[in-house]
Amino acid sequence: MKTLTANGQPIAAKLPCTIEEFLVAQNLLPRSVVVEHNGEAVAPSEFSRRELKAGDRLEIVKIVAGG
């Protein structure tokens, strides 16, 4: 296990992995979040192709529907 930072907290993860694999491991639905990887917004279509490495930084925001 290696470490990356998600929302300011260090998280141990099996790296390298894709953003999609990381989200699923964190019990998050990939289509219900917005992700920034190392300061760059990532389109949901890229989640399965963007690889995470030790030391990377993620900001993950859950999308909440309401009216």
PDB file of N, CA and C in Angstrom:
ATOM      1  N   MET A   1       0.838  -1.189   0.000  1.00  0.00           N
ATOM      2  CA  MET A   1       0.000   0.000   0.000  1.00  0.00           C
ATOM      3  C   MET A   1       0.878   1.245   0.000  1.00  0.00           C
ATOM      4  N   LYS A   2       0.474   2.206  -0.800  1.00  0.00           N
ATOM      5  CA  LYS A   2       1.156   3.497  -0.856  1.00  0.00           C
ATOM      6  C   LYS A   2       0.135   4.571  -0.502  1.00  0.00           C
ATOM      7  N   THR A   3       0.592   5.806  -0.372  1.00  0.00           N
ATOM      8  CA  THR A   3      -0.293   6.869   0.103  1.00  0.00           C
ATOM      9  C   THR A   3      -0.462   7.977  -0.926  1.00  0.00           C
ATOM     10  N   LEU A   4      -1.700   8.463  -1.004  1.00  0.00           N
ATOM     11  CA  LEU A   4      -2.005   9.676  -1.739  1.00  0.00           C
ATOM     12  C   LEU A   4      -2.849  10.554  -0.825  1.00  0.00           C
ATOM     13  N   THR A   5      -3.092  11.781  -1.226  1.00  0.00           N
ATOM     14  CA  THR A   5      -3.879  12.705  -0.401  1.00  0.00           C
ATOM     15  C   THR A   5      -5.220  12.948  -1.077  1.00  0.00           C
ATOM     16  N   ALA A   6      -6.301  12.696  -0.350  1.00  0.00           N
ATOM     17  CA  ALA A   6      -7.647  12.945  -0.861  1.00  0.00           C
ATOM     18  C   ALA A   6      -8.366  13.877   0.106  1.00  0.00           C
ATOM     19  N   ASN A   7      -8.799  15.019  -0.409  1.00  0.00           N
ATOM     20  CA  ASN A   7      -9.476  16.033   0.403  1.00  0.00           C
ATOM     21  C   ASN A   7      -8.654  16.392   1.646  1.00  0.00           C
ATOM     22  N   GLY A   8      -7.337  16.490   1.464  1.00  0.00           N
ATOM     23  CA  GLY A   8      -6.450  16.918   2.537  1.00  0.00           C
ATOM     24  C   GLY A   8      -6.043  15.830   3.516  1.00  0.00           C
ATOM     25  N   GLN A   9      -6.535  14.612   3.327  1.00  0.00           N
ATOM     26  CA  GLN A   9      -6.230  13.513   4.244  1.00  0.00           C
ATOM     27  C   GLN A   9      -5.386  12.452   3.544  1.00  0.00           C
ATOM     28  N   PRO A  10      -4.335  11.952   4.195  1.00  0.00           N
ATOM     29  CA  PRO A  10      -3.567  10.862   3.594  1.00  0.00           C
ATOM     30  C   PRO A  10      -4.400   9.580   3.600  1.00  0.00           C
ATOM     31  N   ILE A  11      -4.390   8.893   2.471  1.00  0.00           N
ATOM     32  CA  ILE A  11      -5.148   7.647   2.345  1.00  0.00           C
ATOM     33  C   ILE A  11      -4.244   6.591   1.728  1.00  0.00           C
ATOM     34  N   ALA A  12      -4.187   5.434   2.389  1.00  0.00           N
ATOM     35  CA  ALA A  12      -3.420   4.311   1.848  1.00  0.00           C
ATOM     36  C   ALA A  12      -4.250   3.655   0.749  1.00  0.00           C
ATOM     37  N   ALA A  13      -3.614   3.363  -0.368  1.00  0.00           N
ATOM     38  CA  ALA A  13      -4.313   2.751  -1.498  1.00  0.00           C
ATOM     39  C   ALA A  13      -3.361   1.829  -2.240  1.00  0.00           C
ATOM     40  N   LYS A  14      -3.951   0.882  -2.943  1.00  0.00           N
ATOM     41  CA  LYS A  14      -3.160  -0.022  -3.777  1.00  0.00           C
ATOM     42  C   LYS A  14      -2.847   0.736  -5.067  1.00  0.00           C
ATOM     43  N   LEU A  15      -1.637   1.269  -5.144  1.00  0.00           N
ATOM     44  CA  LEU A  15      -1.216   2.085  -6.276  1.00  0.00           C
ATOM     45  C   LEU A  15      -0.132   1.387  -7.077  1.00  0.00           C
ATOM     46  N   PRO A  16      -0.043   1.635  -8.378  1.00  0.00           N
ATOM     47  CA  PRO A  16      -0.899   2.526  -9.146  1.00  0.00           C
ATOM     48  C   PRO A  16      -2.281   1.909  -9.385  1.00  0.00           C
ATOM     49  N   CYS A  17      -3.262   2.802  -9.550  1.00  0.00           N
ATOM     50  CA  CYS A  17      -4.620   2.396  -9.915  1.00  0.00           C
ATOM     51  C   CYS A  17      -5.262   3.564 -10.639  1.00  0.00           C
ATOM     52  N   THR A  18      -6.415   3.336 -11.246  1.00  0.00           N
ATOM     53  CA  THR A  18      -7.115   4.422 -11.920  1.00  0.00           C
ATOM     54  C   THR A  18      -7.972   5.182 -10.911  1.00  0.00           C
ATOM     55  N   ILE A  19      -8.402   6.366 -11.295  1.00  0.00           N
ATOM     56  CA  ILE A  19      -9.311   7.128 -10.435  1.00  0.00           C
ATOM     57  C   ILE A  19     -10.560   6.314 -10.174  1.00  0.00           C
ATOM     58  N   GLU A  20     -11.086   5.667 -11.200  1.00  0.00           N
ATOM     59  CA  GLU A  20     -12.295   4.853 -11.036  1.00  0.00           C
ATOM     60  C   GLU A  20     -12.085   3.744 -10.011  1.00  0.00           C
ATOM     61  N   GLU A  21     -10.974   3.036 -10.091  1.00  0.00           N
ATOM     62  CA  GLU A  21     -10.684   1.967  -9.127  1.00  0.00           C
ATOM     63  C   GLU A  21     -10.559   2.523  -7.708  1.00  0.00           C
ATOM     64  N   PHE A  22      -9.925   3.691  -7.577  1.00  0.00           N
ATOM     65  CA  PHE A  22      -9.786   4.307  -6.258  1.00  0.00           C
ATOM     66  C   PHE A  22     -11.142   4.686  -5.687  1.00  0.00           C
ATOM     67  N   LEU A  23     -11.991   5.300  -6.501  1.00  0.00           N
ATOM     68  CA  LEU A  23     -13.320   5.705  -6.031  1.00  0.00           C
ATOM     69  C   LEU A  23     -14.137   4.506  -5.567  1.00  0.00           C
ATOM     70  N   VAL A  24     -14.122   3.439  -6.348  1.00  0.00           N
ATOM     71  CA  VAL A  24     -14.870   2.229  -5.982  1.00  0.00           C
ATOM     72  C   VAL A  24     -14.324   1.659  -4.670  1.00  0.00           C
ATOM     73  N   ALA A  25     -13.012   1.659  -4.488  1.00  0.00           N
ATOM     74  CA  ALA A  25     -12.403   1.153  -3.254  1.00  0.00           C
ATOM     75  C   ALA A  25     -12.803   2.011  -2.050  1.00  0.00           C
ATOM     76  N   GLN A  26     -13.136   3.282  -2.295  1.00  0.00           N
ATOM     77  CA  GLN A  26     -13.567   4.184  -1.228  1.00  0.00           C
ATOM     78  C   GLN A  26     -15.100   4.188  -1.077  1.00  0.00           C
ATOM     79  N   ASN A  27     -15.764   3.255  -1.747  1.00  0.00           N
ATOM     80  CA  ASN A  27     -17.233   3.145  -1.721  1.00  0.00           C
ATOM     81  C   ASN A  27     -17.931   4.389  -2.255  1.00  0.00           C
ATOM     82  N   LEU A  28     -17.347   4.976  -3.298  1.00  0.00           N
ATOM     83  CA  LEU A  28     -17.950   6.130  -3.968  1.00  0.00           C
ATOM     84  C   LEU A  28     -18.328   5.723  -5.391  1.00  0.00           C
ATOM     85  N   LEU A  29     -19.508   6.135  -5.822  1.00  0.00           N
ATOM     86  CA  LEU A  29     -19.922   5.868  -7.194  1.00  0.00           C
ATOM     87  C   LEU A  29     -19.242   6.880  -8.112  1.00  0.00           C
ATOM     88  N   PRO A  30     -18.473   6.416  -9.092  1.00  0.00           N
ATOM     89  CA  PRO A  30     -17.741   7.345  -9.964  1.00  0.00           C
ATOM     90  C   PRO A  30     -18.627   8.399 -10.624  1.00  0.00           C
ATOM     91  N   ARG A  31     -19.869   8.082 -10.923  1.00  0.00           N
ATOM     92  CA  ARG A  31     -20.747   9.052 -11.587  1.00  0.00           C
ATOM     93  C   ARG A  31     -21.403  10.031 -10.616  1.00  0.00           C
ATOM     94  N   SER A  32     -21.121   9.887  -9.317  1.00  0.00           N
ATOM     95  CA  SER A  32     -21.755  10.780  -8.339  1.00  0.00           C
ATOM     96  C   SER A  32     -20.765  11.764  -7.718  1.00  0.00           C
ATOM     97  N   VAL A  33     -19.576  11.888  -8.334  1.00  0.00           N
ATOM     98  CA  VAL A  33     -18.555  12.786  -7.789  1.00  0.00           C
ATOM     99  C   VAL A  33     -17.896  13.615  -8.890  1.00  0.00           C
ATOM    100  N   VAL A  34     -17.291  14.713  -8.453  1.00  0.00           N
ATOM    101  CA  VAL A  34     -16.444  15.539  -9.302  1.00  0.00           C
ATOM    102  C   VAL A  34     -15.040  15.404  -8.728  1.00  0.00           C
ATOM    103  N   VAL A  35     -14.041  15.215  -9.594  1.00  0.00           N
ATOM    104  CA  VAL A  35     -12.679  14.952  -9.124  1.00  0.00           C
ATOM    105  C   VAL A  35     -11.686  15.948  -9.734  1.00  0.00           C
ATOM    106  N   GLU A  36     -10.793  16.424  -8.869  1.00  0.00           N
ATOM    107  CA  GLU A  36      -9.651  17.223  -9.300  1.00  0.00           C
ATOM    108  C   GLU A  36      -8.409  16.412  -8.953  1.00  0.00           C
ATOM    109  N   HIS A  37      -7.536  16.186  -9.938  1.00  0.00           N
ATOM    110  CA  HIS A  37      -6.326  15.377  -9.763  1.00  0.00           C
ATOM    111  C   HIS A  37      -5.112  16.288  -9.939  1.00  0.00           C
ATOM    112  N   ASN A  38      -4.354  16.452  -8.868  1.00  0.00           N
ATOM    113  CA  ASN A  38      -3.167  17.321  -8.892  1.00  0.00           C
ATOM    114  C   ASN A  38      -3.492  18.702  -9.456  1.00  0.00           C
ATOM    115  N   GLY A  39      -4.638  19.263  -9.035  1.00  0.00           N
ATOM    116  CA  GLY A  39      -5.012  20.610  -9.435  1.00  0.00           C
ATOM    117  C   GLY A  39      -5.729  20.725 -10.762  1.00  0.00           C
ATOM    118  N   GLU A  40      -5.990  19.610 -11.431  1.00  0.00           N
ATOM    119  CA  GLU A  40      -6.630  19.623 -12.739  1.00  0.00           C
ATOM    120  C   GLU A  40      -7.965  18.884 -12.679  1.00  0.00           C
ATOM    121  N   ALA A  41      -9.043  19.539 -13.129  1.00  0.00           N
ATOM    122  CA  ALA A  41     -10.356  18.893 -13.168  1.00  0.00           C
ATOM    123  C   ALA A  41     -10.299  17.711 -14.141  1.00  0.00           C
ATOM    124  N   VAL A  42     -10.941  16.613 -13.752  1.00  0.00           N
ATOM    125  CA  VAL A  42     -10.931  15.406 -14.577  1.00  0.00           C
ATOM    126  C   VAL A  42     -12.367  15.083 -15.002  1.00  0.00           C
ATOM    127  N   ALA A  43     -12.575  14.910 -16.295  1.00  0.00           N
ATOM    128  CA  ALA A  43     -13.891  14.531 -16.808  1.00  0.00           C
ATOM    129  C   ALA A  43     -14.200  13.098 -16.383  1.00  0.00           C
ATOM    130  N   PRO A  44     -15.458  12.811 -16.051  1.00  0.00           N
ATOM    131  CA  PRO A  44     -15.818  11.439 -15.653  1.00  0.00           C
ATOM    132  C   PRO A  44     -15.417  10.392 -16.695  1.00  0.00           C
ATOM    133  N   SER A  45     -15.404  10.770 -17.957  1.00  0.00           N
ATOM    134  CA  SER A  45     -15.010   9.825 -19.010  1.00  0.00           C
ATOM    135  C   SER A  45     -13.537   9.436 -18.912  1.00  0.00           C
ATOM    136  N   GLU A  46     -12.739  10.215 -18.169  1.00  0.00           N
ATOM    137  CA  GLU A  46     -11.311   9.930 -17.995  1.00  0.00           C
ATOM    138  C   GLU A  46     -11.007   9.093 -16.758  1.00  0.00           C
ATOM    139  N   PHE A  47     -11.988   8.913 -15.861  1.00  0.00           N
ATOM    140  CA  PHE A  47     -11.740   8.215 -14.596  1.00  0.00           C
ATOM    141  C   PHE A  47     -11.127   6.831 -14.797  1.00  0.00           C
ATOM    142  N   SER A  48     -11.551   6.116 -15.820  1.00  0.00           N
ATOM    143  CA  SER A  48     -11.052   4.749 -16.029  1.00  0.00           C
ATOM    144  C   SER A  48      -9.680   4.725 -16.693  1.00  0.00           C
ATOM    145  N   ARG A  49      -9.208   5.899 -17.181  1.00  0.00           N
ATOM    146  CA  ARG A  49      -7.909   5.951 -17.857  1.00  0.00           C
ATOM    147  C   ARG A  49      -6.844   6.721 -17.084  1.00  0.00           C
ATOM    148  N   ARG A  50      -7.252   7.584 -16.169  1.00  0.00           N
ATOM    149  CA  ARG A  50      -6.290   8.421 -15.429  1.00  0.00           C
ATOM    150  C   ARG A  50      -5.696   7.618 -14.289  1.00  0.00           C
ATOM    151  N   GLU A  51      -4.383   7.446 -14.317  1.00  0.00           N
ATOM    152  CA  GLU A  51      -3.698   6.629 -13.308  1.00  0.00           C
ATOM    153  C   GLU A  51      -3.218   7.472 -12.137  1.00  0.00           C
ATOM    154  N   LEU A  52      -3.418   6.939 -10.943  1.00  0.00           N
ATOM    155  CA  LEU A  52      -2.955   7.576  -9.716  1.00  0.00           C
ATOM    156  C   LEU A  52      -1.659   6.938  -9.259  1.00  0.00           C
ATOM    157  N   LYS A  53      -0.775   7.777  -8.702  1.00  0.00           N
ATOM    158  CA  LYS A  53       0.502   7.298  -8.171  1.00  0.00           C
ATOM    159  C   LYS A  53       0.679   7.821  -6.757  1.00  0.00           C
ATOM    160  N   ALA A  54       1.594   7.233  -6.028  1.00  0.00           N
ATOM    161  CA  ALA A  54       1.891   7.687  -4.666  1.00  0.00           C
ATOM    162  C   ALA A  54       2.241   9.164  -4.691  1.00  0.00           C
ATOM    163  N   GLY A  55       1.707   9.901  -3.729  1.00  0.00           N
ATOM    164  CA  GLY A  55       1.995  11.320  -3.619  1.00  0.00           C
ATOM    165  C   GLY A  55       1.025  12.222  -4.364  1.00  0.00           C
ATOM    166  N   ASP A  56       0.141  11.637  -5.187  1.00  0.00           N
ATOM    167  CA  ASP A  56      -0.838  12.442  -5.913  1.00  0.00           C
ATOM    168  C   ASP A  56      -1.822  13.092  -4.938  1.00  0.00           C
ATOM    169  N   ARG A  57      -2.456  14.170  -5.403  1.00  0.00           N
ATOM    170  CA  ARG A  57      -3.461  14.882  -4.609  1.00  0.00           C
ATOM    171  C   ARG A  57      -4.797  14.843  -5.337  1.00  0.00           C
ATOM    172  N   LEU A  58      -5.839  14.477  -4.622  1.00  0.00           N
ATOM    173  CA  LEU A  58      -7.198  14.467  -5.161  1.00  0.00           C
ATOM    174  C   LEU A  58      -8.094  15.360  -4.325  1.00  0.00           C
ATOM    175  N   GLU A  59      -9.006  16.018  -4.982  1.00  0.00           N
ATOM    176  CA  GLU A  59     -10.116  16.686  -4.316  1.00  0.00           C
ATOM    177  C   GLU A  59     -11.355  16.007  -4.887  1.00  0.00           C
ATOM    178  N   ILE A  60     -12.191  15.484  -4.023  1.00  0.00           N
ATOM    179  CA  ILE A  60     -13.378  14.739  -4.435  1.00  0.00           C
ATOM    180  C   ILE A  60     -14.600  15.399  -3.807  1.00  0.00           C
ATOM    181  N   VAL A  61     -15.549  15.780  -4.660  1.00  0.00           N
ATOM    182  CA  VAL A  61     -16.769  16.428  -4.190  1.00  0.00           C
ATOM    183  C   VAL A  61     -17.957  15.584  -4.638  1.00  0.00           C
ATOM    184  N   LYS A  62     -18.824  15.222  -3.693  1.00  0.00           N
ATOM    185  CA  LYS A  62     -20.033  14.467  -4.029  1.00  0.00           C
ATOM    186  C   LYS A  62     -21.053  15.400  -4.644  1.00  0.00           C
ATOM    187  N   ILE A  63     -21.708  14.926  -5.696  1.00  0.00           N
ATOM    188  CA  ILE A  63     -22.775  15.678  -6.339  1.00  0.00           C
ATOM    189  C   ILE A  63     -24.060  15.359  -5.597  1.00  0.00           C
ATOM    190  N   VAL A  64     -24.771  16.405  -5.193  1.00  0.00           N
ATOM    191  CA  VAL A  64     -26.025  16.233  -4.468  1.00  0.00           C
ATOM    192  C   VAL A  64     -27.137  16.897  -5.269  1.00  0.00           C
ATOM    193  N   ALA A  65     -28.163  16.138  -5.604  1.00  0.00           N
ATOM    194  CA  ALA A  65     -29.295  16.686  -6.341  1.00  0.00           C
ATOM    195  C   ALA A  65     -30.312  17.258  -5.358  1.00  0.00           C
ATOM    196  N   GLY A  66     -30.963  18.274  -5.779  1.00  0.00           N
ATOM    197  CA  GLY A  66     -31.990  18.866  -4.932  1.00  0.00           C
ATOM    198  C   GLY A  66     -32.629  20.044  -5.630  1.00  0.00           C
ATOM    199  N   GLY A  67     -33.640  20.566  -5.007  1.00  0.00           N
ATOM    200  CA  GLY A  67     -34.319  21.651  -5.682  1.00  0.00           C
ATOM    201  C   GLY A  67     -34.851  22.683  -4.776  1.00  0.00           C
TER     202      GLY A  67
END
